[in-house]
Amino acid sequence: MTKACVVIGGSHASAQFVVSLRQGGWDGEIILLGDETDLPYHRPPLSKDFLSGNKDLEEILIRPASVYENAEITLKLGTRVTAIDRHKKTVSTNKNEIINYDKLVIATGARVRKLPIEGADNARVMYLRDTNDVRAIKSVIARDKRAVIIGGGYIGLETAASMRKQGMKVTVLEAMDRILQRVTAPVMSDFYRRVHTEEGVQIAETEMASSIDVNDKELVVNTKSGKLYPADIIIIGIGVIPNTELAAEAGLEVGNGITVNEFCQTDDPDIYAIGDVTWHYNPIYDTHIRLESVPNAMEQGKTAALHINGKEKPYNSLPWFWSDQFDLKLQIAGLSQGYDDIVIRGDHEGSRSFAAFYFKGDRLLAVDAVNAPREFMMTKMALTKGQTLDKAILSNPNADLKSAIT
């Protein structure tokens, strides 16, 4: 019998992995099991180009169907894995299939965090995680309709920007003191609050939703402060939860995600995990992290494929991310947690282009670069090489940026 590699999950990490595995020399079966019915697609455009109608599904596919066909990869879409039997080396599915594996890769990603308040289970209260979510949201979008978005993180703000550009009246409710509080510094929160306000989005901070009233004409978000926010559609974006249950039920080690080594291998040598669901060590920051990041998913897919094919290339990539809102391209290199100093380059109070550099002492940690690709690329290169940047040169917009590398 031919050997088989089975992949659970159908998004960025798995789409990269199956192609890399075949290109790397795997001559057995490759079976991808995805619970969505669409081919693997790019998720970042969901809240941007796909929601706005600028791109259709075909344009956001990671790869066309022909690539999987030519690589002899079996796609079983609309298939959900219900159990892993490590002793028999099989997976069971919701279609009463039992599939044997020699190597198993878990790429189950994450699911939306549900808001546990009265009224949140109504059909007109939506989340934004997959193509079906966006199709449902798009069916409601119309000029001058009212949208209330609960959650002022990146997904909430990206969704607000897309809907505002389509003429909707948009309000963002953030329970914390400021938007983006969980992920970035006050200067970035101030900047994005200003830009969204300039674009006509209403930002309401320290407003925690307490319940949702539903009637035939409208929805109403009630907050703990006593304010009411009427809406035609409500979208909740309060984060995600890694889908670790299959791994945990199979007895694999799970932390804030499925624990893997530098080759994306779990504590079972025949089972790997890749993408948003992994809890892995990052040598650049000397800590374990779980990343919701496309670059992380793609690189882990490559690393796991190489290791299964007998080639050891440890995963040690620099985390980086991006967010598109209105005419803003935010590019983030590195992790800013633990910073004690920020250096600003550019006018963050009046313009729409600047960079915020995060330091711990004199050590460079990260950059948030808004419409500032040079600053992003230079910081990404410096962090990868273990270099730092001179704060005095960075803070002087007239100084040569290249001379800041130390």
Protein backbone atom coordinates (compact mmCIF):
# COMPACT_ATOMS: atom_id res chain seq x y z
CA MET A 1 0.00 0.00 0.00
CA THR A 2 1.15 3.51 -0.75
CA LYS A 3 1.95 5.81 2.15
CA ALA A 4 -0.45 8.66 2.88
CA CYS A 5 -0.15 12.15 4.36
CA VAL A 6 -3.45 13.52 5.63
CA VAL A 7 -3.98 17.24 6.28
CA ILE A 8 -6.81 18.53 8.47
CA GLY A 9 -7.88 22.06 7.53
CA GLY A 10 -8.14 24.02 4.30
CA SER A 11 -6.53 27.45 4.55
CA HIS A 12 -3.17 29.17 4.10
CA ALA A 13 -0.98 26.74 6.00
CA SER A 14 -2.42 23.59 4.48
CA ALA A 15 -2.54 24.98 0.93
CA GLN A 16 1.17 25.81 1.18
CA PHE A 17 2.04 22.53 2.88
CA VAL A 18 0.48 20.14 0.36
CA VAL A 19 2.21 21.78 -2.61
CA SER A 20 5.56 22.01 -0.79
CA LEU A 21 5.30 18.37 0.29
CA ARG A 22 4.73 17.15 -3.27
CA GLN A 23 7.43 19.43 -4.70
CA GLY A 24 9.83 18.17 -2.03
CA GLY A 25 9.58 14.57 -3.18
CA TRP A 26 6.68 12.94 -1.34
CA ASP A 27 5.44 10.23 -3.70
CA GLY A 28 2.54 8.90 -1.63
CA GLU A 29 -1.03 10.08 -1.29
CA ILE A 30 -1.76 13.61 -0.08
CA ILE A 31 -5.29 14.10 1.22
CA LEU A 32 -6.56 17.51 2.33
CA LEU A 33 -9.72 17.52 4.46
CA GLY A 34 -11.41 20.93 4.74
CA ASP A 35 -14.69 21.68 6.47
CA GLU A 36 -15.44 24.59 4.12
CA THR A 37 -16.74 23.87 0.64
CA ASP A 38 -14.61 26.49 -1.11
CA LEU A 39 -11.05 25.89 -2.26
CA PRO A 40 -8.45 27.30 0.16
CA TYR A 41 -8.52 31.09 -0.07
CA HIS A 42 -6.76 34.14 1.33
CA ARG A 43 -8.52 35.28 4.51
CA PRO A 44 -7.21 38.88 4.81
CA PRO A 45 -9.22 40.09 1.78
CA LEU A 46 -12.46 38.89 3.38
CA SER A 47 -12.85 42.10 5.40
CA LYS A 48 -11.44 44.23 2.58
CA ASP A 49 -11.65 43.51 -1.17
CA PHE A 50 -14.07 40.58 -0.91
CA LEU A 51 -16.45 42.45 1.40
CA SER A 52 -16.26 45.58 -0.74
CA GLY A 53 -16.92 43.61 -3.94
CA ASN A 54 -13.60 44.55 -5.54
CA LYS A 55 -12.66 40.86 -5.81
CA ASP A 56 -14.67 37.68 -6.22
CA LEU A 57 -13.84 34.25 -4.82
CA GLU A 58 -11.75 33.18 -7.82
CA GLU A 59 -9.50 36.20 -7.29
CA ILE A 60 -8.75 35.40 -3.65
CA LEU A 61 -8.04 31.68 -4.06
CA ILE A 62 -4.57 30.75 -2.83
CA ARG A 63 -4.19 28.44 -5.83
CA PRO A 64 -6.54 27.39 -8.64
CA ALA A 65 -7.99 23.88 -8.67
CA SER A 66 -5.61 22.86 -11.46
CA VAL A 67 -2.58 23.15 -9.17
CA TYR A 68 -3.95 20.55 -6.77
CA GLU A 69 -5.00 18.33 -9.67
CA ASN A 70 -1.59 18.49 -11.33
CA ALA A 71 0.13 17.70 -8.02
CA GLU A 72 -2.23 14.73 -7.47
CA ILE A 73 -3.58 16.13 -4.23
CA THR A 74 -6.95 14.78 -3.15
CA LEU A 75 -9.25 17.52 -1.86
CA LYS A 76 -12.15 16.46 0.34
CA LEU A 77 -13.94 19.76 0.92
CA GLY A 78 -16.99 20.08 3.13
CA THR A 79 -15.46 17.36 5.29
CA ARG A 80 -14.99 17.79 9.03
CA VAL A 81 -12.67 15.52 11.00
CA THR A 82 -14.36 14.28 14.17
CA ALA A 83 -11.57 12.24 15.78
CA ILE A 84 -7.93 11.23 15.52
CA ASP A 85 -6.89 7.69 16.53
CA ARG A 86 -3.15 7.84 17.09
CA HIS A 87 -2.82 4.10 17.77
CA LYS A 88 -4.57 2.99 14.58
CA LYS A 89 -3.23 6.06 12.72
CA THR A 90 -6.63 7.00 11.35
CA VAL A 91 -8.94 10.01 11.27
CA SER A 92 -12.73 9.81 11.31
CA THR A 93 -14.95 12.30 9.49
CA ASN A 94 -18.52 13.57 9.63
CA LYS A 95 -19.18 11.56 6.47
CA ASN A 96 -18.53 8.26 8.28
CA GLU A 97 -15.17 7.84 6.59
CA ILE A 98 -12.12 6.38 8.30
CA ILE A 99 -8.92 7.50 6.58
CA ASN A 100 -5.50 5.99 7.27
CA TYR A 101 -2.40 8.13 7.55
CA ASP A 102 1.33 7.65 7.82
CA LYS A 103 1.87 11.33 8.54
CA LEU A 104 -0.83 13.67 9.82
CA VAL A 105 -0.81 17.47 9.70
CA ILE A 106 -3.23 19.53 11.79
CA ALA A 107 -4.01 22.95 10.31
CA THR A 108 -7.32 23.61 12.01
CA GLY A 109 -6.77 27.34 12.51
CA ALA A 110 -9.10 29.30 14.76
CA ARG A 111 -12.77 30.15 15.12
CA VAL A 112 -14.49 33.37 16.11
CA ARG A 113 -14.97 34.16 19.76
CA LYS A 114 -18.72 34.41 20.40
CA LEU A 115 -20.19 37.28 22.41
CA PRO A 116 -22.22 35.75 25.26
CA ILE A 117 -25.01 38.31 25.56
CA GLU A 118 -28.75 38.16 25.05
CA GLY A 119 -29.76 38.64 21.40
CA ALA A 120 -26.33 37.84 19.95
CA ASP A 121 -27.63 34.60 18.44
CA ASN A 122 -30.00 36.40 16.07
CA ALA A 123 -29.39 35.79 12.36
CA ARG A 124 -28.84 39.52 11.75
CA VAL A 125 -25.97 39.53 14.24
CA MET A 126 -22.99 38.30 12.26
CA TYR A 127 -19.32 37.41 12.54
CA LEU A 128 -16.66 37.66 9.85
CA ARG A 129 -14.43 34.62 9.50
CA ASP A 130 -15.21 32.83 6.23
CA THR A 131 -16.68 33.40 2.78
CA ASN A 132 -20.20 32.46 3.87
CA ASP A 133 -20.04 35.09 6.61
CA VAL A 134 -19.05 37.74 4.08
CA ARG A 135 -21.74 36.69 1.60
CA ALA A 136 -24.34 37.10 4.34
CA ILE A 137 -22.98 40.52 5.30
CA LYS A 138 -22.84 41.68 1.66
CA SER A 139 -26.51 40.82 1.21
CA VAL A 140 -27.39 43.47 3.80
CA ILE A 141 -25.01 46.24 2.75
CA ALA A 142 -26.65 49.27 1.20
CA ARG A 143 -25.97 53.00 1.23
CA ASP A 144 -27.16 54.78 4.38
CA LYS A 145 -27.95 51.56 6.22
CA ARG A 146 -26.62 51.44 9.78
CA ALA A 147 -23.92 49.02 10.89
CA VAL A 148 -22.72 48.59 14.46
CA ILE A 149 -19.45 46.73 14.85
CA ILE A 150 -18.67 45.33 18.28
CA GLY A 151 -14.91 45.16 18.70
CA GLY A 152 -12.28 47.77 17.87
CA GLY A 153 -9.40 45.51 16.85
CA TYR A 154 -7.98 45.20 13.35
CA ILE A 155 -10.79 43.01 12.00
CA GLY A 156 -13.42 45.41 13.34
CA LEU A 157 -11.70 48.47 11.93
CA GLU A 158 -11.05 46.85 8.55
CA THR A 159 -14.71 45.88 8.34
CA ALA A 160 -15.74 49.40 9.35
CA ALA A 161 -13.58 50.89 6.60
CA SER A 162 -14.99 48.54 3.93
CA MET A 163 -18.59 49.25 4.90
CA ARG A 164 -18.07 52.99 5.22
CA LYS A 165 -16.56 53.10 1.73
CA GLN A 166 -19.81 51.54 0.50
CA GLY A 167 -21.84 54.35 1.99
CA MET A 168 -23.01 52.76 5.20
CA LYS A 169 -23.34 54.58 8.51
CA VAL A 170 -20.86 52.79 10.75
CA THR A 171 -20.34 52.80 14.50
CA VAL A 172 -17.55 50.85 16.23
CA LEU A 173 -18.04 49.92 19.89
CA GLU A 174 -14.91 49.11 21.88
CA ALA A 175 -15.23 47.87 25.46
CA MET A 176 -11.70 48.92 26.45
CA ASP A 177 -10.38 52.44 26.92
CA ARG A 178 -9.14 52.68 23.35
CA ILE A 179 -9.38 50.86 20.01
CA LEU A 180 -6.51 48.47 19.28
CA GLN A 181 -5.61 48.48 22.98
CA ARG A 182 -4.80 44.76 23.03
CA VAL A 183 -2.36 44.90 20.14
CA THR A 184 -0.62 48.28 19.93
CA ALA A 185 0.43 51.52 21.61
CA PRO A 186 -1.75 54.56 22.39
CA VAL A 187 -0.19 56.55 19.54
CA MET A 188 -1.53 54.03 17.02
CA SER A 189 -4.96 54.04 18.67
CA ASP A 190 -5.05 57.85 18.48
CA PHE A 191 -4.04 57.78 14.83
CA TYR A 192 -6.66 55.24 13.75
CA ARG A 193 -9.36 56.95 15.80
CA ARG A 194 -8.56 60.20 13.99
CA VAL A 195 -8.58 58.66 10.51
CA HIS A 196 -11.79 56.70 11.04
CA THR A 197 -13.48 59.79 12.42
CA GLU A 198 -12.32 61.81 9.41
CA GLU A 199 -13.83 59.14 7.16
CA GLY A 200 -17.19 59.33 8.93
CA VAL A 201 -16.97 56.31 11.25
CA GLN A 202 -18.27 56.86 14.78
CA ILE A 203 -15.85 55.42 17.34
CA ALA A 204 -17.27 54.77 20.83
CA GLU A 205 -14.70 53.57 23.37
CA THR A 206 -15.36 52.20 26.89
CA GLU A 207 -18.71 51.00 25.54
CA MET A 208 -19.40 47.38 26.47
CA ALA A 209 -22.37 45.73 24.80
CA SER A 210 -24.71 44.20 27.37
CA SER A 211 -27.58 42.91 25.22
CA ILE A 212 -29.12 43.18 21.77
CA ASP A 213 -32.79 43.91 21.21
CA VAL A 214 -34.37 42.52 18.05
CA ASN A 215 -37.53 43.61 16.27
CA ASP A 216 -38.79 43.61 12.69
CA LYS A 217 -37.50 47.10 11.93
CA GLU A 218 -34.08 47.19 13.55
CA LEU A 219 -31.55 45.84 15.99
CA VAL A 220 -30.45 47.81 19.04
CA VAL A 221 -27.23 47.32 20.98
CA ASN A 222 -27.61 48.15 24.65
CA THR A 223 -24.41 49.02 26.51
CA LYS A 224 -23.50 48.94 30.18
CA SER A 225 -23.31 52.75 30.15
CA GLY A 226 -26.99 52.86 29.27
CA LYS A 227 -26.56 54.08 25.70
CA LEU A 228 -28.47 52.59 22.79
CA TYR A 229 -27.06 51.99 19.31
CA PRO A 230 -29.69 51.15 16.65
CA ALA A 231 -28.56 49.17 13.60
CA ASP A 232 -29.67 47.34 10.48
CA ILE A 233 -26.76 44.91 10.88
CA ILE A 234 -24.43 44.08 13.75
CA ILE A 235 -21.01 42.51 13.24
CA ILE A 236 -19.05 41.09 16.16
CA GLY A 237 -15.26 40.97 15.98
CA ILE A 238 -13.80 40.23 19.41
CA GLY A 239 -11.02 37.82 18.52
CA VAL A 240 -10.60 34.13 17.80
CA ILE A 241 -10.05 30.86 19.65
CA PRO A 242 -7.57 28.24 18.35
CA ASN A 243 -9.19 24.96 17.31
CA THR A 244 -7.17 22.66 19.56
CA GLU A 245 -9.94 20.26 20.58
CA LEU A 246 -9.07 17.47 18.11
CA ALA A 247 -5.45 17.52 19.21
CA ALA A 248 -6.32 17.61 22.90
CA GLU A 249 -8.80 14.74 22.57
CA ALA A 250 -6.08 12.72 20.82
CA GLY A 251 -3.78 13.29 23.81
CA LEU A 252 -1.37 15.70 22.11
CA GLU A 253 0.29 18.42 24.18
CA VAL A 254 -1.69 21.66 24.01
CA GLY A 255 -0.85 25.07 25.47
CA ASN A 256 -2.19 28.29 23.96
CA GLY A 257 -2.39 26.25 20.79
CA ILE A 258 -0.97 22.87 19.77
CA THR A 259 2.59 22.62 21.08
CA VAL A 260 5.15 22.01 18.31
CA ASN A 261 8.94 21.99 18.02
CA GLU A 262 11.08 23.94 15.58
CA PHE A 263 10.04 21.58 12.77
CA CYS A 264 6.31 21.96 13.53
CA GLN A 265 6.25 18.45 14.97
CA THR A 266 3.98 17.64 17.93
CA ASP A 267 4.93 15.26 20.74
CA ASP A 268 3.77 12.48 18.39
CA PRO A 269 6.55 12.19 15.76
CA ASP A 270 4.05 11.32 13.02
CA ILE A 271 1.77 14.30 13.69
CA TYR A 272 2.57 17.91 12.80
CA ALA A 273 0.66 21.15 13.33
CA ILE A 274 0.96 24.37 11.34
CA GLY A 275 -0.59 27.84 11.17
CA ASP A 276 -2.76 29.82 13.58
CA VAL A 277 -3.34 26.80 15.81
CA THR A 278 0.32 26.26 16.81
CA TRP A 279 2.05 27.19 20.06
CA HIS A 280 5.68 27.44 19.07
CA TYR A 281 9.03 28.82 20.21
CA ASN A 282 10.37 31.93 18.50
CA PRO A 283 14.16 32.25 18.91
CA ILE A 284 14.22 35.94 17.92
CA TYR A 285 12.12 36.87 20.96
CA ASP A 286 13.09 33.86 23.11
CA THR A 287 9.48 33.03 23.95
CA HIS A 288 6.60 30.75 22.97
CA ILE A 289 3.93 32.42 20.86
CA ARG A 290 0.82 31.71 18.83
CA LEU A 291 0.53 33.84 15.70
CA GLU A 292 -2.55 34.68 13.64
CA SER A 293 -0.49 35.55 10.61
CA VAL A 294 -0.42 34.54 6.95
CA PRO A 295 3.42 34.62 6.71
CA ASN A 296 3.64 32.38 9.78
CA ALA A 297 1.17 29.91 8.26
CA MET A 298 3.00 29.76 4.95
CA GLU A 299 6.47 29.35 6.48
CA GLN A 300 5.33 26.67 8.90
CA GLY A 301 3.76 24.83 5.98
CA LYS A 302 7.12 24.82 4.22
CA THR A 303 9.01 23.77 7.35
CA ALA A 304 6.72 20.81 8.05
CA ALA A 305 6.86 19.64 4.43
CA LEU A 306 10.65 19.73 4.43
CA HIS A 307 10.87 17.76 7.67
CA ILE A 308 8.48 15.07 6.49
CA ASN A 309 10.62 14.79 3.36
CA GLY A 310 13.73 14.30 5.50
CA LYS A 311 15.17 17.81 5.39
CA GLU A 312 15.64 19.79 8.59
CA LYS A 313 15.13 23.53 8.30
CA PRO A 314 14.01 24.96 11.67
CA TYR A 315 11.23 27.52 11.66
CA ASN A 316 12.68 30.78 12.99
CA SER A 317 10.98 33.47 10.95
CA LEU A 318 10.33 37.03 12.08
CA PRO A 319 6.63 37.65 12.75
CA TRP A 320 5.09 40.24 10.45
CA PHE A 321 1.56 41.36 9.66
CA TRP A 322 -0.43 43.95 7.73
CA SER A 323 -3.78 45.76 7.79
CA ASP A 324 -5.52 47.77 5.06
CA GLN A 325 -8.02 50.46 6.05
CA PHE A 326 -9.18 53.28 3.73
CA ASP A 327 -6.00 54.60 2.08
CA LEU A 328 -3.79 53.25 4.87
CA LYS A 329 -1.38 50.34 4.47
CA LEU A 330 -0.16 49.33 7.91
CA GLN A 331 2.82 46.98 7.92
CA ILE A 332 4.03 45.52 11.20
CA ALA A 333 7.41 43.83 11.66
CA GLY A 334 8.21 42.12 14.95
CA LEU A 335 6.42 41.88 18.29
CA SER A 336 6.10 45.03 20.40
CA GLN A 337 5.10 43.37 23.69
CA GLY A 338 7.32 44.48 26.56
CA TYR A 339 8.40 47.79 24.98
CA ASP A 340 9.39 50.70 27.23
CA ASP A 341 10.10 53.35 24.58
CA ILE A 342 8.58 54.44 21.27
CA VAL A 343 10.26 56.57 18.63
CA ILE A 344 8.00 58.26 16.08
CA ARG A 345 9.20 59.13 12.59
CA GLY A 346 6.79 61.33 10.65
CA ASP A 347 3.66 63.30 11.49
CA HIS A 348 1.16 60.97 13.13
CA GLU A 349 -1.16 63.79 14.18
CA GLY A 350 -1.77 65.45 10.83
CA SER A 351 -0.64 63.16 8.02
CA ARG A 352 -1.43 59.60 6.99
CA SER A 353 2.14 58.36 6.82
CA PHE A 354 4.46 57.67 9.76
CA ALA A 355 6.26 54.89 11.62
CA ALA A 356 6.34 53.96 15.30
CA PHE A 357 9.47 52.07 16.40
CA TYR A 358 9.26 50.02 19.60
CA PHE A 359 12.28 49.55 21.86
CA LYS A 360 13.11 47.84 25.13
CA GLY A 361 16.04 49.90 26.32
CA ASP A 362 18.19 50.17 23.21
CA ARG A 363 16.97 46.90 21.75
CA LEU A 364 14.71 47.23 18.72
CA LEU A 365 11.55 45.12 19.07
CA ALA A 366 9.16 46.09 16.28
CA VAL A 367 7.76 48.76 13.97
CA ASP A 368 4.25 49.84 13.02
CA ALA A 369 4.68 51.49 9.61
CA VAL A 370 1.69 53.31 8.10
CA ASN A 371 2.17 54.06 4.39
CA ALA A 372 5.89 53.84 5.19
CA PRO A 373 7.27 50.83 3.29
CA ARG A 374 10.94 51.86 3.63
CA GLU A 375 10.70 51.97 7.41
CA PHE A 376 8.96 48.59 7.43
CA MET A 377 11.49 46.87 5.17
CA MET A 378 14.50 48.31 6.98
CA THR A 379 13.18 47.28 10.40
CA LYS A 380 12.27 43.81 9.16
CA MET A 381 15.81 43.37 7.82
CA ALA A 382 17.42 44.71 11.01
CA LEU A 383 15.36 42.44 13.27
CA THR A 384 16.12 39.40 11.13
CA LYS A 385 19.84 40.14 11.39
CA GLY A 386 19.74 40.92 15.11
CA GLN A 387 20.58 44.58 14.56
CA THR A 388 19.11 47.65 16.21
CA LEU A 389 18.44 51.23 15.07
CA ASP A 390 19.72 54.56 16.37
CA LYS A 391 16.84 56.36 18.09
CA ALA A 392 18.16 59.89 17.42
CA ILE A 393 18.46 59.28 13.70
CA LEU A 394 15.04 57.62 13.55
CA SER A 395 13.32 60.57 15.22
CA ASN A 396 14.82 63.05 12.74
CA PRO A 397 12.72 62.86 9.54
CA ASN A 398 15.45 64.68 7.62
CA ALA A 399 18.18 62.20 8.54
CA ASP A 400 19.20 59.40 6.21
CA LEU A 401 17.22 56.35 7.29
CA LYS A 402 19.93 53.88 6.26
CA SER A 403 22.41 55.51 8.64
CA ALA A 404 20.19 54.48 11.61
CA ILE A 405 21.29 50.82 11.40
CA THR A 406 23.77 49.96 14.14
